[in-house]
Amino acid sequence: MGKELYDNSDVAKRMFEKANEILEFSITQIMFGEDA
C-alpha cells in the first residue's frame, strides 16, 4: 500500500516521514513492514 510511491517519489517519502512524526509512531513500518 503505497510502497512503490514511497520508494520512487522524494515528495511522497517526505510526506510519509511527516506522517510518522505527527502520529508519533512509524506508520511506514506498519504499512511496509514484514508483517504488512
PDB file of N, CA and C in Angstrom:
ATOM      1  N   MET A   1       0.841  -1.179   0.000  1.00  0.00           N
ATOM      2  CA  MET A   1       0.000   0.000   0.000  1.00  0.00           C
ATOM      3  C   MET A   1       0.888   1.245   0.000  1.00  0.00           C
ATOM      4  N   GLY A   2       1.198   1.768  -1.154  1.00  0.00           N
ATOM      5  CA  GLY A   2       1.985   2.986  -1.265  1.00  0.00           C
ATOM      6  C   GLY A   2       3.482   2.776  -1.315  1.00  0.00           C
ATOM      7  N   LYS A   3       3.945   1.535  -1.214  1.00  0.00           N
ATOM      8  CA  LYS A   3       5.393   1.261  -1.162  1.00  0.00           C
ATOM      9  C   LYS A   3       6.102   1.735  -2.421  1.00  0.00           C
ATOM     10  N   GLU A   4       5.534   1.480  -3.571  1.00  0.00           N
ATOM     11  CA  GLU A   4       6.169   1.904  -4.822  1.00  0.00           C
ATOM     12  C   GLU A   4       6.269   3.426  -4.878  1.00  0.00           C
ATOM     13  N   LEU A   5       5.220   4.095  -4.477  1.00  0.00           N
ATOM     14  CA  LEU A   5       5.222   5.557  -4.434  1.00  0.00           C
ATOM     15  C   LEU A   5       6.287   6.055  -3.458  1.00  0.00           C
ATOM     16  N   TYR A   6       6.333   5.469  -2.273  1.00  0.00           N
ATOM     17  CA  TYR A   6       7.331   5.825  -1.259  1.00  0.00           C
ATOM     18  C   TYR A   6       8.748   5.643  -1.806  1.00  0.00           C
ATOM     19  N   ASP A   7       8.990   4.534  -2.469  1.00  0.00           N
ATOM     20  CA  ASP A   7      10.325   4.225  -2.988  1.00  0.00           C
ATOM     21  C   ASP A   7      10.738   5.106  -4.161  1.00  0.00           C
ATOM     22  N   ASN A   8       9.767   5.610  -4.932  1.00  0.00           N
ATOM     23  CA  ASN A   8      10.101   6.309  -6.172  1.00  0.00           C
ATOM     24  C   ASN A   8       9.844   7.809  -6.170  1.00  0.00           C
ATOM     25  N   SER A   9       9.325   8.339  -5.088  1.00  0.00           N
ATOM     26  CA  SER A   9       8.994   9.762  -5.046  1.00  0.00           C
ATOM     27  C   SER A   9       9.550  10.399  -3.779  1.00  0.00           C
ATOM     28  N   ASP A  10      10.456  11.357  -3.957  1.00  0.00           N
ATOM     29  CA  ASP A  10      11.009  12.072  -2.806  1.00  0.00           C
ATOM     30  C   ASP A  10       9.925  12.834  -2.058  1.00  0.00           C
ATOM     31  N   VAL A  11       8.980  13.400  -2.784  1.00  0.00           N
ATOM     32  CA  VAL A  11       7.885  14.143  -2.149  1.00  0.00           C
ATOM     33  C   VAL A  11       7.032  13.198  -1.304  1.00  0.00           C
ATOM     34  N   ALA A  12       6.666  12.065  -1.862  1.00  0.00           N
ATOM     35  CA  ALA A  12       5.856  11.094  -1.121  1.00  0.00           C
ATOM     36  C   ALA A  12       6.608  10.598   0.112  1.00  0.00           C
ATOM     37  N   LYS A  13       7.890  10.342  -0.049  1.00  0.00           N
ATOM     38  CA  LYS A  13       8.698   9.872   1.080  1.00  0.00           C
ATOM     39  C   LYS A  13       8.687  10.898   2.207  1.00  0.00           C
ATOM     40  N   ARG A  14       8.833  12.173   1.876  1.00  0.00           N
ATOM     41  CA  ARG A  14       8.786  13.232   2.891  1.00  0.00           C
ATOM     42  C   ARG A  14       7.420  13.274   3.568  1.00  0.00           C
ATOM     43  N   MET A  15       6.366  13.070   2.812  1.00  0.00           N
ATOM     44  CA  MET A  15       5.015  13.086   3.393  1.00  0.00           C
ATOM     45  C   MET A  15       4.811  11.907   4.353  1.00  0.00           C
ATOM     46  N   PHE A  16       5.274  10.732   3.972  1.00  0.00           N
ATOM     47  CA  PHE A  16       5.190   9.580   4.868  1.00  0.00           C
ATOM     48  C   PHE A  16       5.994   9.832   6.141  1.00  0.00           C
ATOM     49  N   GLU A  17       7.191  10.386   6.002  1.00  0.00           N
ATOM     50  CA  GLU A  17       8.026  10.678   7.166  1.00  0.00           C
ATOM     51  C   GLU A  17       7.365  11.729   8.054  1.00  0.00           C
ATOM     52  N   LYS A  18       6.718  12.704   7.465  1.00  0.00           N
ATOM     53  CA  LYS A  18       5.983  13.716   8.231  1.00  0.00           C
ATOM     54  C   LYS A  18       4.819  13.060   8.974  1.00  0.00           C
ATOM     55  N   ALA A  19       4.132  12.137   8.333  1.00  0.00           N
ATOM     56  CA  ALA A  19       3.045  11.410   8.994  1.00  0.00           C
ATOM     57  C   ALA A  19       3.577  10.639  10.200  1.00  0.00           C
ATOM     58  N   ASN A  20       4.733  10.002  10.063  1.00  0.00           N
ATOM     59  CA  ASN A  20       5.354   9.303  11.194  1.00  0.00           C
ATOM     60  C   ASN A  20       5.578  10.267  12.354  1.00  0.00           C
ATOM     61  N   GLU A  21       6.094  11.432  12.034  1.00  0.00           N
ATOM     62  CA  GLU A  21       6.384  12.448  13.046  1.00  0.00           C
ATOM     63  C   GLU A  21       5.096  12.909  13.740  1.00  0.00           C
ATOM     64  N   ILE A  22       4.086  13.219  12.974  1.00  0.00           N
ATOM     65  CA  ILE A  22       2.818  13.712  13.530  1.00  0.00           C
ATOM     66  C   ILE A  22       2.152  12.640  14.399  1.00  0.00           C
ATOM     67  N   LEU A  23       2.152  11.408  13.915  1.00  0.00           N
ATOM     68  CA  LEU A  23       1.488  10.321  14.630  1.00  0.00           C
ATOM     69  C   LEU A  23       2.279   9.833  15.843  1.00  0.00           C
ATOM     70  N   GLU A  24       3.570  10.163  15.880  1.00  0.00           N
ATOM     71  CA  GLU A  24       4.482   9.734  16.941  1.00  0.00           C
ATOM     72  C   GLU A  24       4.657   8.217  16.984  1.00  0.00           C
ATOM     73  N   PHE A  25       4.488   7.593  15.828  1.00  0.00           N
ATOM     74  CA  PHE A  25       4.845   6.196  15.631  1.00  0.00           C
ATOM     75  C   PHE A  25       5.055   5.986  14.137  1.00  0.00           C
ATOM     76  N   SER A  26       5.649   4.868  13.795  1.00  0.00           N
ATOM     77  CA  SER A  26       6.023   4.632  12.403  1.00  0.00           C
ATOM     78  C   SER A  26       4.897   3.959  11.619  1.00  0.00           C
ATOM     79  N   ILE A  27       4.088   4.777  10.995  1.00  0.00           N
ATOM     80  CA  ILE A  27       3.036   4.241  10.127  1.00  0.00           C
ATOM     81  C   ILE A  27       3.668   3.518   8.929  1.00  0.00           C
ATOM     82  N   THR A  28       4.840   3.968   8.511  1.00  0.00           N
ATOM     83  CA  THR A  28       5.512   3.301   7.391  1.00  0.00           C
ATOM     84  C   THR A  28       5.933   1.884   7.778  1.00  0.00           C
ATOM     85  N   GLN A  29       6.340   1.671   9.028  1.00  0.00           N
ATOM     86  CA  GLN A  29       6.697   0.320   9.469  1.00  0.00           C
ATOM     87  C   GLN A  29       5.469  -0.576   9.444  1.00  0.00           C
ATOM     88  N   ILE A  30       4.341  -0.047   9.873  1.00  0.00           N
ATOM     89  CA  ILE A  30       3.096  -0.818   9.848  1.00  0.00           C
ATOM     90  C   ILE A  30       2.709  -1.132   8.403  1.00  0.00           C
ATOM     91  N   MET A  31       2.828  -0.138   7.528  1.00  0.00           N
ATOM     92  CA  MET A  31       2.419  -0.316   6.136  1.00  0.00           C
ATOM     93  C   MET A  31       3.371  -1.196   5.344  1.00  0.00           C
ATOM     94  N   PHE A  32       4.688  -1.020   5.576  1.00  0.00           N
ATOM     95  CA  PHE A  32       5.678  -1.673   4.722  1.00  0.00           C
ATOM     96  C   PHE A  32       6.483  -2.758   5.422  1.00  0.00           C
ATOM     97  N   GLY A  33       6.247  -2.978   6.709  1.00  0.00           N
ATOM     98  CA  GLY A  33       6.999  -3.971   7.464  1.00  0.00           C
ATOM     99  C   GLY A  33       6.755  -5.381   6.953  1.00  0.00           C
ATOM    100  N   GLU A  34       7.539  -6.311   7.463  1.00  0.00           N
ATOM    101  CA  GLU A  34       7.442  -7.704   7.027  1.00  0.00           C
ATOM    102  C   GLU A  34       6.061  -8.291   7.263  1.00  0.00           C
ATOM    103  N   ASP A  35       5.382  -7.828   8.300  1.00  0.00           N
ATOM    104  CA  ASP A  35       4.063  -8.371   8.627  1.00  0.00           C
ATOM    105  C   ASP A  35       2.935  -7.715   7.842  1.00  0.00           C
ATOM    106  N   ALA A  36       3.273  -6.711   7.031  1.00  0.00           N
ATOM    107  CA  ALA A  36       2.236  -5.966   6.299  1.00  0.00           C
ATOM    108  C   ALA A  36       1.686  -6.780   5.155  1.00  0.00           C
TER     109      ALA A  36
END
